[in-house]
């Protein structure tokens, strides 16, 4: 799977003010398609102040049909910064009480067969989501 072959469908966008710095923060969501088939969905969160708040991309894959169990759905957190992207671990608040999907941490992804697909999806989001074009990561 190559990022060029993934279609990014932008869905809702919401802008709020960051609790700590009061900069405008954008929260967006979208779907990921490969050969017109749904392969996952994502969220993006970023602030006008990218120097102190790296953009966060969360990618969700697996079976998201009604009634699918949490162990058939996975979520991954990626931080995007001037040096590239980094996998993050889910914090305890996100993991506690989560019965919708399985939180994959760095060690779950690194070296896995899924890693290449994940990075293709992340590259597609970064390259094709027009909401991210306004970011100047340097």
Protein backbone atom coordinates (compact mmCIF):
# COMPACT_ATOMS: atom_id res chain seq x y z
CA UNK A 1 0.00 0.00 0.00
CA UNK A 2 1.39 3.37 -1.08
CA UNK A 3 0.23 6.71 0.31
CA UNK A 4 -0.40 7.94 -3.23
CA UNK A 5 -3.10 5.27 -3.65
CA UNK A 6 -5.02 6.29 -0.52
CA UNK A 7 -7.90 8.75 -0.83
CA UNK A 8 -8.43 11.15 2.08
CA UNK A 9 -12.04 12.23 2.55
CA UNK A 10 -12.26 15.26 4.83
CA UNK A 11 -15.26 15.26 7.13
CA UNK A 12 -16.18 17.64 9.95
CA UNK A 13 -13.90 20.39 11.19
CA UNK A 14 -14.23 22.25 14.47
CA UNK A 15 -12.14 25.14 15.78
CA UNK A 16 -11.82 25.90 19.49
CA UNK A 17 -9.36 27.68 21.76
CA UNK A 18 -6.61 25.67 23.46
CA UNK A 19 -7.04 25.47 27.24
CA UNK A 20 -3.37 26.18 27.97
CA UNK A 21 -2.30 28.74 25.34
CA UNK A 22 -5.64 30.06 24.01
CA UNK A 23 -4.45 29.63 20.40
CA UNK A 24 -7.06 28.49 17.90
CA UNK A 25 -7.00 24.69 17.72
CA UNK A 26 -8.42 22.75 14.79
CA UNK A 27 -10.04 19.35 15.27
CA UNK A 28 -10.80 17.49 12.07
CA UNK A 29 -11.87 14.02 11.02
CA UNK A 30 -11.89 12.04 7.82
CA UNK A 31 -12.08 8.67 6.13
CA UNK A 32 -9.32 6.74 4.40
CA UNK A 33 -10.11 4.81 1.22
CA UNK A 34 -7.99 2.47 -0.84
CA UNK A 35 -9.38 1.39 -4.21
CA UNK A 36 -12.61 3.09 -3.09
CA UNK A 37 -12.85 0.71 -0.11
CA UNK A 38 -12.93 2.01 3.46
CA UNK A 39 -9.66 1.13 5.22
CA UNK A 40 -9.94 3.41 8.24
CA UNK A 41 -10.66 6.84 9.57
CA UNK A 42 -8.59 9.52 11.28
CA UNK A 43 -8.64 12.63 13.37
CA UNK A 44 -6.23 15.57 13.25
CA UNK A 45 -5.70 18.08 16.04
CA UNK A 46 -3.40 21.05 15.67
CA UNK A 47 -2.90 24.53 16.99
CA UNK A 48 -1.77 27.73 15.32
CA UNK A 49 1.11 27.49 17.77
CA UNK A 50 2.74 24.35 16.36
CA UNK A 51 6.02 25.23 18.08
CA UNK A 52 4.59 24.31 21.48
CA UNK A 53 1.87 21.87 20.36
CA UNK A 54 2.79 19.30 17.75
CA UNK A 55 -0.08 18.24 15.51
CA UNK A 56 -1.59 14.92 16.55
CA UNK A 57 -2.97 12.43 14.06
CA UNK A 58 -4.98 9.45 15.28
CA UNK A 59 -5.61 6.62 12.85
CA UNK A 60 -8.33 4.04 13.44
CA UNK A 61 -8.47 0.77 11.47
CA UNK A 62 -10.26 -2.55 11.63
CA UNK A 63 -13.92 -3.49 11.66
CA UNK A 64 -15.97 -0.39 12.52
CA UNK A 65 -19.32 -1.92 11.64
CA UNK A 66 -22.09 -1.84 14.25
CA UNK A 67 -21.56 -4.43 16.94
CA UNK A 68 -17.95 -5.25 16.07
CA UNK A 69 -15.90 -6.04 19.19
CA UNK A 70 -13.18 -3.70 20.46
CA UNK A 71 -10.47 -6.27 19.73
CA UNK A 72 -11.27 -6.04 16.00
CA UNK A 73 -10.67 -2.27 15.95
CA UNK A 74 -7.39 -0.48 16.60
CA UNK A 75 -6.27 3.09 17.15
CA UNK A 76 -2.79 4.61 16.86
CA UNK A 77 -1.50 8.06 17.92
CA UNK A 78 1.13 9.89 15.85
CA UNK A 79 2.82 13.21 16.63
CA UNK A 80 3.94 15.25 13.62
CA UNK A 81 6.85 17.65 14.11
CA UNK A 82 9.59 19.29 12.07
CA UNK A 83 11.84 16.21 12.31
CA UNK A 84 9.09 13.89 11.04
CA UNK A 85 6.53 11.73 12.80
CA UNK A 86 6.68 9.78 16.04
CA UNK A 87 4.44 7.08 17.41
CA UNK A 88 3.02 7.90 20.82
CA UNK A 89 1.57 5.71 23.53
CA UNK A 90 -2.05 6.30 24.51
CA UNK A 91 -2.33 8.02 27.87
CA UNK A 92 -4.13 6.36 30.77
CA UNK A 93 -7.15 8.65 30.40
CA UNK A 94 -7.69 7.47 26.81
CA UNK A 95 -7.23 3.79 27.71
CA UNK A 96 -9.41 3.73 30.82
CA UNK A 97 -12.99 2.86 30.13
CA UNK A 98 -12.36 2.57 26.39
CA UNK A 99 -14.53 -0.24 25.11
CA UNK A 100 -14.69 0.94 21.48
CA UNK A 101 -11.26 -0.12 20.19
CA UNK A 102 -7.85 -1.48 21.15
CA UNK A 103 -5.23 1.19 21.81
CA UNK A 104 -2.00 0.30 20.01
CA UNK A 105 1.14 1.78 21.55
CA UNK A 106 4.58 2.23 19.97
CA UNK A 107 5.78 -1.26 20.83
CA UNK A 108 2.63 -2.77 19.30
CA UNK A 109 3.31 -1.10 15.95
CA UNK A 110 7.08 -0.86 15.53
CA UNK A 111 8.40 -3.81 13.55
CA UNK A 112 4.91 -5.13 12.84
CA UNK A 113 3.43 -5.90 9.43
CA UNK A 114 0.91 -3.12 10.10
CA UNK A 115 3.62 -0.44 10.45
CA UNK A 116 4.10 0.03 6.70
CA UNK A 117 0.34 0.44 6.17
CA UNK A 118 0.09 2.87 9.07
CA UNK A 119 2.86 5.11 7.72
CA UNK A 120 1.24 5.08 4.26
CA UNK A 121 -2.02 6.26 5.87
CA UNK A 122 -0.25 8.95 7.91
CA UNK A 123 1.65 10.16 4.83
CA UNK A 124 -1.64 10.34 2.91
CA UNK A 125 -3.25 12.41 5.67
CA UNK A 126 -0.30 14.81 5.93
CA UNK A 127 -0.02 15.21 2.16
CA UNK A 128 -3.68 15.27 1.15
CA UNK A 129 -5.68 16.79 4.03
CA UNK A 130 -6.12 20.46 3.04
CA UNK A 131 -6.61 21.49 6.69
CA UNK A 132 -2.96 20.65 7.35
CA UNK A 133 -1.66 22.85 4.51
CA UNK A 134 -1.72 25.91 6.77
CA UNK A 135 0.86 24.38 9.13
CA UNK A 136 4.43 25.56 8.88
CA UNK A 137 6.53 22.90 10.60
CA UNK A 138 10.09 24.09 10.64
